[in-house]
């Protein structure tokens, strides 16, 4: 997202550099909101199915950002999508910490951190290449489609995740 969103902010929304920074800053604020919300909401809904629904909504949000030309509406969609992403990431990390034996918890969390950083970097490179090869909105539609397809795959095949209720 950090690769494509600056282009969306500039070309699609017509934001100047200061406004672009504020737009992208919404990601950080929303991820923090998601982390706080995850702590408050984790016992109010079945976690596994909620993760699948939130990932699906994030995917839809990405696609909408590729379509929306209104700054305020784009900001709302960005905040909702990244807040949900923050909830999902926080629930995954909390689940890993909760279910990993304390004797190997540090190693598991460091492996999770490495994997998540590598995947994020690879996704940024792929998104940037896709945005250069095709236009930015179409790139977001493709990414959103992948998000939704993987969410559907999780909903169909993710038996353990669907059964995950609370921790």
N, C-alpha and C. Protein backbone atom coordinates (compact mmCIF):
# COMPACT_ATOMS: atom_id res chain seq x y z
N UNK A 1 0.81 -1.19 0.00
CA UNK A 1 0.00 0.00 0.00
C UNK A 1 0.86 1.26 0.00
N UNK A 2 1.98 1.20 0.69
CA UNK A 2 2.84 2.38 0.74
C UNK A 2 3.43 2.70 -0.62
N UNK A 3 3.38 1.76 -1.53
CA UNK A 3 3.90 1.99 -2.88
C UNK A 3 2.84 2.63 -3.76
N UNK A 4 1.61 2.14 -3.69
CA UNK A 4 0.55 2.59 -4.59
C UNK A 4 -0.22 3.79 -4.04
N UNK A 5 -0.43 3.86 -2.74
CA UNK A 5 -1.24 4.95 -2.19
C UNK A 5 -0.69 6.35 -2.47
N UNK A 6 0.62 6.58 -2.46
CA UNK A 6 1.08 7.93 -2.84
C UNK A 6 0.66 8.31 -4.26
N UNK A 7 0.65 7.35 -5.16
CA UNK A 7 0.21 7.62 -6.53
C UNK A 7 -1.29 7.89 -6.57
N UNK A 8 -2.06 7.16 -5.77
CA UNK A 8 -3.50 7.40 -5.68
C UNK A 8 -3.74 8.81 -5.15
N UNK A 9 -3.02 9.17 -4.08
CA UNK A 9 -3.20 10.48 -3.46
C UNK A 9 -2.89 11.61 -4.44
N UNK A 10 -1.86 11.43 -5.24
CA UNK A 10 -1.44 12.48 -6.16
C UNK A 10 -2.30 12.54 -7.42
N UNK A 11 -2.42 11.42 -8.09
CA UNK A 11 -3.08 11.44 -9.40
C UNK A 11 -4.59 11.35 -9.32
N UNK A 12 -5.10 10.54 -8.45
CA UNK A 12 -6.54 10.30 -8.39
C UNK A 12 -7.25 11.32 -7.50
N UNK A 13 -6.59 11.68 -6.38
CA UNK A 13 -7.23 12.59 -5.44
C UNK A 13 -6.73 14.03 -5.57
N UNK A 14 -5.63 14.22 -6.30
CA UNK A 14 -5.10 15.56 -6.54
C UNK A 14 -4.53 16.23 -5.30
N UNK A 15 -3.94 15.46 -4.40
CA UNK A 15 -3.40 16.03 -3.16
C UNK A 15 -1.99 16.56 -3.37
N UNK A 16 -1.66 17.66 -2.66
CA UNK A 16 -0.29 18.16 -2.70
C UNK A 16 0.56 17.34 -1.71
N UNK A 17 1.84 17.65 -1.59
CA UNK A 17 2.74 16.83 -0.77
C UNK A 17 2.32 16.79 0.70
N UNK A 18 1.93 17.92 1.27
CA UNK A 18 1.50 17.94 2.67
C UNK A 18 0.24 17.10 2.85
N UNK A 19 -0.72 17.27 1.97
CA UNK A 19 -1.96 16.50 2.05
C UNK A 19 -1.71 15.02 1.82
N UNK A 20 -0.78 14.72 0.93
CA UNK A 20 -0.43 13.33 0.67
C UNK A 20 0.14 12.68 1.94
N UNK A 21 1.00 13.42 2.64
CA UNK A 21 1.55 12.91 3.89
C UNK A 21 0.48 12.68 4.94
N UNK A 22 -0.48 13.59 5.02
CA UNK A 22 -1.58 13.42 5.96
C UNK A 22 -2.44 12.22 5.59
N UNK A 23 -2.69 12.06 4.30
CA UNK A 23 -3.48 10.91 3.82
C UNK A 23 -2.79 9.60 4.19
N UNK A 24 -1.49 9.52 3.92
CA UNK A 24 -0.75 8.30 4.25
C UNK A 24 -0.61 8.12 5.75
N UNK A 25 -0.59 9.23 6.50
CA UNK A 25 -0.53 9.15 7.96
C UNK A 25 -1.76 8.49 8.56
N UNK A 26 -2.86 8.50 7.83
CA UNK A 26 -4.07 7.82 8.30
C UNK A 26 -3.83 6.33 8.50
N UNK A 27 -2.90 5.77 7.72
CA UNK A 27 -2.60 4.34 7.85
C UNK A 27 -2.08 4.04 9.26
N UNK A 28 -1.11 4.84 9.71
CA UNK A 28 -0.52 4.61 11.04
C UNK A 28 -1.55 4.76 12.14
N UNK A 29 -2.33 5.84 12.07
CA UNK A 29 -3.36 6.07 13.08
C UNK A 29 -4.37 4.92 13.09
N UNK A 30 -4.77 4.48 11.92
CA UNK A 30 -5.76 3.42 11.82
C UNK A 30 -5.24 2.08 12.32
N UNK A 31 -3.97 1.79 12.04
CA UNK A 31 -3.39 0.54 12.55
C UNK A 31 -3.35 0.55 14.08
N UNK A 32 -3.03 1.71 14.66
CA UNK A 32 -3.03 1.83 16.12
C UNK A 32 -4.45 1.65 16.66
N UNK A 33 -5.41 2.30 16.01
CA UNK A 33 -6.82 2.12 16.41
C UNK A 33 -7.22 0.65 16.34
N UNK A 34 -6.77 -0.03 15.30
CA UNK A 34 -7.08 -1.45 15.16
C UNK A 34 -6.49 -2.28 16.29
N UNK A 35 -5.26 -1.96 16.68
CA UNK A 35 -4.64 -2.68 17.79
C UNK A 35 -5.39 -2.49 19.09
N UNK A 36 -5.80 -1.26 19.36
CA UNK A 36 -6.58 -0.97 20.57
C UNK A 36 -7.94 -1.65 20.49
N UNK A 37 -8.57 -1.57 19.33
CA UNK A 37 -9.89 -2.20 19.16
C UNK A 37 -9.81 -3.71 19.34
N UNK A 38 -8.74 -4.32 18.87
CA UNK A 38 -8.59 -5.78 19.01
C UNK A 38 -8.57 -6.18 20.48
N UNK A 39 -7.89 -5.40 21.30
CA UNK A 39 -7.84 -5.71 22.74
C UNK A 39 -9.22 -5.63 23.37
N UNK A 40 -10.01 -4.68 22.91
CA UNK A 40 -11.34 -4.49 23.48
C UNK A 40 -12.37 -5.47 22.93
N UNK A 41 -12.23 -5.85 21.67
CA UNK A 41 -13.26 -6.65 20.99
C UNK A 41 -13.01 -8.15 20.98
N UNK A 42 -11.83 -8.59 21.37
CA UNK A 42 -11.46 -10.00 21.19
C UNK A 42 -12.40 -10.99 21.87
N UNK A 43 -13.07 -10.58 22.91
CA UNK A 43 -13.96 -11.54 23.59
C UNK A 43 -15.42 -11.37 23.18
N UNK A 44 -15.71 -10.47 22.24
CA UNK A 44 -17.09 -10.22 21.84
C UNK A 44 -17.50 -10.90 20.54
N UNK A 45 -16.56 -11.50 19.82
CA UNK A 45 -16.90 -12.15 18.56
C UNK A 45 -16.01 -13.35 18.35
N UNK A 46 -16.46 -14.32 17.56
CA UNK A 46 -15.60 -15.48 17.26
C UNK A 46 -14.43 -15.02 16.39
N UNK A 47 -13.24 -15.18 16.87
CA UNK A 47 -12.05 -14.57 16.26
C UNK A 47 -11.79 -15.08 14.85
N UNK A 48 -11.80 -16.38 14.62
CA UNK A 48 -11.48 -16.91 13.30
C UNK A 48 -12.41 -16.41 12.21
N UNK A 49 -13.73 -16.60 12.37
CA UNK A 49 -14.64 -16.07 11.36
C UNK A 49 -14.55 -14.55 11.20
N UNK A 50 -14.31 -13.84 12.31
CA UNK A 50 -14.19 -12.38 12.23
C UNK A 50 -12.97 -11.98 11.40
N UNK A 51 -11.87 -12.72 11.54
CA UNK A 51 -10.67 -12.44 10.75
C UNK A 51 -10.99 -12.58 9.26
N UNK A 52 -11.71 -13.62 8.90
CA UNK A 52 -12.06 -13.84 7.48
C UNK A 52 -12.93 -12.69 6.97
N UNK A 53 -13.91 -12.29 7.74
CA UNK A 53 -14.79 -11.19 7.33
C UNK A 53 -14.00 -9.88 7.21
N UNK A 54 -13.15 -9.61 8.20
CA UNK A 54 -12.37 -8.36 8.16
C UNK A 54 -11.40 -8.34 6.99
N UNK A 55 -10.78 -9.47 6.67
CA UNK A 55 -9.89 -9.52 5.50
C UNK A 55 -10.68 -9.27 4.21
N UNK A 56 -11.88 -9.80 4.15
CA UNK A 56 -12.73 -9.58 2.97
C UNK A 56 -13.08 -8.10 2.82
N UNK A 57 -13.43 -7.47 3.92
CA UNK A 57 -13.76 -6.04 3.89
C UNK A 57 -12.53 -5.22 3.50
N UNK A 58 -11.36 -5.61 4.00
CA UNK A 58 -10.11 -4.92 3.60
C UNK A 58 -9.91 -5.02 2.09
N UNK A 59 -10.14 -6.19 1.55
CA UNK A 59 -10.01 -6.37 0.10
C UNK A 59 -10.97 -5.49 -0.67
N UNK A 60 -12.21 -5.44 -0.21
CA UNK A 60 -13.19 -4.56 -0.86
C UNK A 60 -12.76 -3.11 -0.76
N UNK A 61 -12.23 -2.73 0.39
CA UNK A 61 -11.76 -1.36 0.58
C UNK A 61 -10.65 -0.99 -0.38
N UNK A 62 -9.72 -1.92 -0.60
CA UNK A 62 -8.64 -1.66 -1.55
C UNK A 62 -9.18 -1.40 -2.94
N UNK A 63 -10.14 -2.21 -3.34
CA UNK A 63 -10.75 -2.01 -4.65
C UNK A 63 -11.47 -0.67 -4.74
N UNK A 64 -12.17 -0.31 -3.67
CA UNK A 64 -12.88 0.98 -3.67
C UNK A 64 -11.91 2.15 -3.75
N UNK A 65 -10.78 2.06 -3.08
CA UNK A 65 -9.79 3.15 -3.13
C UNK A 65 -9.32 3.37 -4.57
N UNK A 66 -9.28 2.32 -5.35
CA UNK A 66 -8.90 2.47 -6.76
C UNK A 66 -9.97 3.15 -7.60
N UNK A 67 -11.17 3.22 -7.08
CA UNK A 67 -12.30 3.78 -7.82
C UNK A 67 -12.68 5.19 -7.35
N UNK A 68 -12.55 5.44 -6.06
CA UNK A 68 -13.04 6.68 -5.44
C UNK A 68 -12.18 7.88 -5.85
N UNK A 69 -12.84 8.98 -6.15
CA UNK A 69 -12.12 10.23 -6.45
C UNK A 69 -12.38 11.32 -5.41
N UNK A 70 -13.29 11.07 -4.48
CA UNK A 70 -13.57 12.01 -3.40
C UNK A 70 -12.54 11.81 -2.28
N UNK A 71 -11.89 12.89 -1.87
CA UNK A 71 -10.86 12.79 -0.83
C UNK A 71 -11.44 12.27 0.47
N UNK A 72 -12.56 12.83 0.91
CA UNK A 72 -13.14 12.42 2.19
C UNK A 72 -13.61 10.97 2.17
N UNK A 73 -14.24 10.57 1.09
CA UNK A 73 -14.69 9.18 1.01
C UNK A 73 -13.50 8.23 0.96
N UNK A 74 -12.47 8.61 0.24
CA UNK A 74 -11.26 7.79 0.19
C UNK A 74 -10.64 7.67 1.58
N UNK A 75 -10.63 8.76 2.34
CA UNK A 75 -10.10 8.74 3.71
C UNK A 75 -10.90 7.81 4.60
N UNK A 76 -12.22 7.85 4.47
CA UNK A 76 -13.09 6.99 5.28
C UNK A 76 -12.82 5.52 4.96
N UNK A 77 -12.76 5.20 3.67
CA UNK A 77 -12.51 3.81 3.26
C UNK A 77 -11.12 3.36 3.72
N UNK A 78 -10.13 4.24 3.60
CA UNK A 78 -8.77 3.92 4.03
C UNK A 78 -8.74 3.66 5.54
N UNK A 79 -9.39 4.50 6.32
CA UNK A 79 -9.40 4.33 7.78
C UNK A 79 -10.11 3.03 8.17
N UNK A 80 -11.24 2.75 7.56
CA UNK A 80 -11.97 1.51 7.89
C UNK A 80 -11.13 0.29 7.53
N UNK A 81 -10.58 0.29 6.32
CA UNK A 81 -9.80 -0.87 5.86
C UNK A 81 -8.55 -1.09 6.72
N UNK A 82 -7.81 -0.03 7.00
CA UNK A 82 -6.57 -0.22 7.75
C UNK A 82 -6.84 -0.45 9.24
N UNK A 83 -7.95 0.05 9.76
CA UNK A 83 -8.30 -0.29 11.14
C UNK A 83 -8.61 -1.78 11.25
N UNK A 84 -9.35 -2.30 10.28
CA UNK A 84 -9.64 -3.73 10.28
C UNK A 84 -8.36 -4.55 10.11
N UNK A 85 -7.45 -4.06 9.26
CA UNK A 85 -6.16 -4.75 9.11
C UNK A 85 -5.39 -4.74 10.43
N UNK A 86 -5.45 -3.63 11.15
CA UNK A 86 -4.79 -3.56 12.46
C UNK A 86 -5.38 -4.54 13.45
N UNK A 87 -6.70 -4.70 13.41
CA UNK A 87 -7.35 -5.69 14.28
C UNK A 87 -6.88 -7.08 13.93
N UNK A 88 -6.86 -7.41 12.65
CA UNK A 88 -6.45 -8.75 12.21
C UNK A 88 -5.01 -9.04 12.63
N UNK A 89 -4.11 -8.13 12.36
CA UNK A 89 -2.70 -8.35 12.72
C UNK A 89 -2.55 -8.51 14.23
N UNK A 90 -3.25 -7.68 14.98
CA UNK A 90 -3.17 -7.77 16.45
C UNK A 90 -3.72 -9.10 16.96
N UNK A 91 -4.81 -9.57 16.37
CA UNK A 91 -5.38 -10.86 16.80
C UNK A 91 -4.45 -12.02 16.44
N UNK A 92 -3.81 -11.94 15.28
CA UNK A 92 -2.87 -12.99 14.90
C UNK A 92 -1.70 -13.03 15.87
N UNK A 93 -1.13 -11.87 16.16
CA UNK A 93 0.01 -11.83 17.08
C UNK A 93 -0.39 -12.27 18.49
N UNK A 94 -1.55 -11.82 18.96
CA UNK A 94 -2.01 -12.22 20.29
C UNK A 94 -2.25 -13.73 20.35
N UNK A 95 -2.83 -14.27 19.29
CA UNK A 95 -3.06 -15.72 19.25
C UNK A 95 -1.76 -16.51 19.26
N UNK A 96 -0.79 -16.04 18.48
CA UNK A 96 0.52 -16.71 18.48
C UNK A 96 1.15 -16.68 19.87
N UNK A 97 1.10 -15.54 20.51
CA UNK A 97 1.70 -15.42 21.84
C UNK A 97 0.95 -16.27 22.86
N UNK A 98 -0.37 -16.32 22.73
CA UNK A 98 -1.17 -17.07 23.69
C UNK A 98 -0.94 -18.58 23.58
N UNK A 99 -0.88 -19.09 22.37
CA UNK A 99 -0.81 -20.54 22.16
C UNK A 99 0.60 -21.10 22.04
N UNK A 100 1.61 -20.25 21.96
CA UNK A 100 2.98 -20.73 21.86
C UNK A 100 3.53 -20.95 23.26
N UNK A 101 4.13 -22.11 23.51
CA UNK A 101 4.73 -22.34 24.83
C UNK A 101 5.79 -21.28 25.13
N UNK A 102 5.86 -20.87 26.37
CA UNK A 102 6.76 -19.77 26.74
C UNK A 102 8.22 -20.10 26.44
N UNK A 103 8.58 -21.38 26.42
CA UNK A 103 9.97 -21.76 26.18
C UNK A 103 10.43 -21.45 24.75
N UNK A 104 9.48 -21.35 23.80
CA UNK A 104 9.87 -21.04 22.41
C UNK A 104 9.16 -19.80 21.87
N UNK A 105 8.46 -19.08 22.71
CA UNK A 105 7.68 -17.93 22.27
C UNK A 105 8.53 -16.89 21.56
N UNK A 106 9.69 -16.58 22.08
CA UNK A 106 10.57 -15.58 21.48
C UNK A 106 10.99 -15.98 20.07
N UNK A 107 11.34 -17.24 19.90
CA UNK A 107 11.74 -17.73 18.57
C UNK A 107 10.58 -17.69 17.59
N UNK A 108 9.41 -18.11 18.02
CA UNK A 108 8.24 -18.09 17.14
C UNK A 108 7.90 -16.67 16.72
N UNK A 109 7.93 -15.73 17.66
CA UNK A 109 7.60 -14.35 17.34
C UNK A 109 8.65 -13.72 16.43
N UNK A 110 9.92 -14.10 16.60
CA UNK A 110 10.94 -13.54 15.71
C UNK A 110 10.77 -14.11 14.29
N UNK A 111 10.41 -15.37 14.18
CA UNK A 111 10.15 -15.95 12.85
C UNK A 111 8.93 -15.28 12.22
N UNK A 112 7.89 -15.06 13.01
CA UNK A 112 6.71 -14.36 12.50
C UNK A 112 7.09 -12.96 12.01
N UNK A 113 7.90 -12.26 12.77
CA UNK A 113 8.32 -10.90 12.39
C UNK A 113 9.11 -10.92 11.09
N UNK A 114 10.03 -11.84 10.96
CA UNK A 114 10.83 -11.94 9.74
C UNK A 114 9.93 -12.25 8.54
N UNK A 115 9.06 -13.22 8.70
CA UNK A 115 8.17 -13.60 7.60
C UNK A 115 7.28 -12.43 7.20
N UNK A 116 6.71 -11.73 8.18
CA UNK A 116 5.81 -10.62 7.85
C UNK A 116 6.56 -9.48 7.17
N UNK A 117 7.81 -9.24 7.55
CA UNK A 117 8.59 -8.19 6.89
C UNK A 117 8.96 -8.57 5.46
N UNK A 118 9.33 -9.82 5.25
CA UNK A 118 9.69 -10.27 3.91
C UNK A 118 8.47 -10.23 2.99
N UNK A 119 7.34 -10.70 3.48
CA UNK A 119 6.13 -10.69 2.67
C UNK A 119 5.72 -9.25 2.34
N UNK A 120 5.80 -8.35 3.31
CA UNK A 120 5.46 -6.95 3.06
C UNK A 120 6.37 -6.34 2.01
N UNK A 121 7.66 -6.61 2.11
CA UNK A 121 8.61 -6.06 1.13
C UNK A 121 8.35 -6.63 -0.26
N UNK A 122 8.14 -7.94 -0.34
CA UNK A 122 7.86 -8.57 -1.64
C UNK A 122 6.54 -8.05 -2.24
N UNK A 123 5.55 -7.85 -1.40
CA UNK A 123 4.27 -7.34 -1.87
C UNK A 123 4.43 -5.92 -2.40
N UNK A 124 5.25 -5.11 -1.72
CA UNK A 124 5.51 -3.75 -2.19
C UNK A 124 6.19 -3.72 -3.54
N UNK A 125 7.17 -4.59 -3.72
CA UNK A 125 7.87 -4.68 -5.01
C UNK A 125 6.90 -5.13 -6.10
N UNK A 126 6.10 -6.14 -5.81
CA UNK A 126 5.14 -6.64 -6.80
C UNK A 126 4.09 -5.58 -7.13
N UNK A 127 3.59 -4.88 -6.11
CA UNK A 127 2.57 -3.84 -6.34
C UNK A 127 3.15 -2.70 -7.16
N UNK A 128 4.37 -2.31 -6.85
CA UNK A 128 5.01 -1.24 -7.62
C UNK A 128 5.22 -1.63 -9.07
N UNK A 129 5.66 -2.85 -9.30
CA UNK A 129 5.85 -3.33 -10.67
C UNK A 129 4.53 -3.40 -11.41
N UNK A 130 3.49 -3.85 -10.71
CA UNK A 130 2.18 -3.94 -11.34
C UNK A 130 1.65 -2.54 -11.67
N UNK A 131 1.85 -1.58 -10.76
CA UNK A 131 1.38 -0.22 -11.01
C UNK A 131 2.11 0.42 -12.18
N UNK A 132 3.37 0.05 -12.37
CA UNK A 132 4.14 0.57 -13.51
C UNK A 132 3.69 -0.10 -14.81
N UNK A 133 3.38 -1.39 -14.74
CA UNK A 133 2.99 -2.13 -15.93
C UNK A 133 1.58 -1.82 -16.40
N UNK A 134 0.69 -1.65 -15.44
CA UNK A 134 -0.69 -1.25 -15.74
C UNK A 134 -0.97 -0.01 -14.91
N UNK A 135 -2.16 0.54 -14.97
CA UNK A 135 -2.40 1.76 -14.19
C UNK A 135 -2.70 1.45 -12.73
N UNK A 136 -2.65 2.49 -11.90
CA UNK A 136 -2.80 2.33 -10.45
C UNK A 136 -4.18 1.78 -10.07
N UNK A 137 -5.28 2.34 -10.56
CA UNK A 137 -6.57 1.77 -10.17
C UNK A 137 -6.71 0.28 -10.51
N UNK A 138 -6.25 -0.11 -11.69
CA UNK A 138 -6.34 -1.52 -12.08
C UNK A 138 -5.47 -2.37 -11.17
N UNK A 139 -4.32 -1.85 -10.76
CA UNK A 139 -3.46 -2.57 -9.82
C UNK A 139 -4.20 -2.81 -8.50
N UNK A 140 -4.91 -1.79 -8.03
CA UNK A 140 -5.67 -1.96 -6.79
C UNK A 140 -6.80 -2.96 -6.97
N UNK A 141 -7.42 -2.98 -8.13
CA UNK A 141 -8.49 -3.95 -8.39
C UNK A 141 -7.92 -5.38 -8.36
N UNK A 142 -6.74 -5.56 -8.95
CA UNK A 142 -6.10 -6.89 -8.96
C UNK A 142 -5.75 -7.31 -7.55
N UNK A 143 -5.16 -6.39 -6.77
CA UNK A 143 -4.78 -6.69 -5.39
C UNK A 143 -6.03 -7.00 -4.57
N UNK A 144 -7.08 -6.21 -4.76
CA UNK A 144 -8.34 -6.45 -4.05
C UNK A 144 -8.92 -7.81 -4.42
N UNK A 145 -8.84 -8.16 -5.69
CA UNK A 145 -9.32 -9.46 -6.14
C UNK A 145 -8.55 -10.61 -5.49
N UNK A 146 -7.24 -10.45 -5.39
CA UNK A 146 -6.43 -11.47 -4.70
C UNK A 146 -6.81 -11.58 -3.23
N UNK A 147 -6.99 -10.43 -2.59
CA UNK A 147 -7.42 -10.41 -1.19
C UNK A 147 -8.73 -11.17 -1.01
N UNK A 148 -9.69 -10.86 -1.88
CA UNK A 148 -10.99 -11.51 -1.78
C UNK A 148 -10.90 -13.00 -2.09
N UNK A 149 -10.12 -13.36 -3.10
CA UNK A 149 -9.97 -14.77 -3.45
C UNK A 149 -9.34 -15.55 -2.30
N UNK A 150 -8.31 -14.98 -1.69
CA UNK A 150 -7.68 -15.66 -0.55
C UNK A 150 -8.60 -15.70 0.66
N UNK A 151 -9.41 -14.67 0.85
CA UNK A 151 -10.39 -14.68 1.95
C UNK A 151 -11.42 -15.79 1.73
N UNK A 152 -11.86 -15.95 0.49
CA UNK A 152 -12.82 -17.01 0.16
C UNK A 152 -12.17 -18.37 0.38
N UNK A 153 -10.91 -18.50 -0.04
CA UNK A 153 -10.19 -19.75 0.18
C UNK A 153 -10.10 -20.07 1.68
N UNK A 154 -9.80 -19.07 2.49
CA UNK A 154 -9.77 -19.27 3.94
C UNK A 154 -11.15 -19.67 4.46
N UNK A 155 -12.19 -19.03 3.94
CA UNK A 155 -13.54 -19.34 4.40
C UNK A 155 -13.94 -20.77 4.04
N UNK A 156 -13.44 -21.26 2.90
CA UNK A 156 -13.80 -22.60 2.45
C UNK A 156 -12.89 -23.66 3.08
N UNK A 157 -11.59 -23.41 3.07
CA UNK A 157 -10.63 -24.43 3.48
C UNK A 157 -10.05 -24.24 4.90
N UNK A 158 -10.24 -23.07 5.48
CA UNK A 158 -9.61 -22.78 6.77
C UNK A 158 -10.38 -23.32 7.95
N UNK A 159 -10.45 -24.62 8.03
CA UNK A 159 -11.23 -25.29 9.08
C UNK A 159 -10.78 -24.88 10.48
N UNK A 160 -9.47 -24.85 10.71
CA UNK A 160 -8.96 -24.49 12.05
C UNK A 160 -9.25 -23.03 12.34
N UNK A 161 -9.02 -22.16 11.35
CA UNK A 161 -9.28 -20.73 11.56
C UNK A 161 -10.76 -20.48 11.82
N UNK A 162 -11.64 -21.11 11.05
CA UNK A 162 -13.08 -20.92 11.25
C UNK A 162 -13.52 -21.40 12.63
N UNK A 163 -12.83 -22.40 13.16
CA UNK A 163 -13.19 -22.94 14.47
C UNK A 163 -12.60 -22.15 15.63
N UNK A 164 -11.73 -21.21 15.35
CA UNK A 164 -11.07 -20.41 16.39
C UNK A 164 -12.05 -19.38 16.93
N UNK A 165 -12.41 -19.51 18.18
CA UNK A 165 -13.42 -18.64 18.76
C UNK A 165 -12.83 -17.57 19.69
N UNK A 166 -12.13 -17.99 20.71
CA UNK A 166 -11.63 -17.05 21.71
C UNK A 166 -10.29 -17.55 22.26
N UNK A 167 -9.53 -16.64 22.82
CA UNK A 167 -8.33 -17.03 23.56
C UNK A 167 -8.23 -16.21 24.81
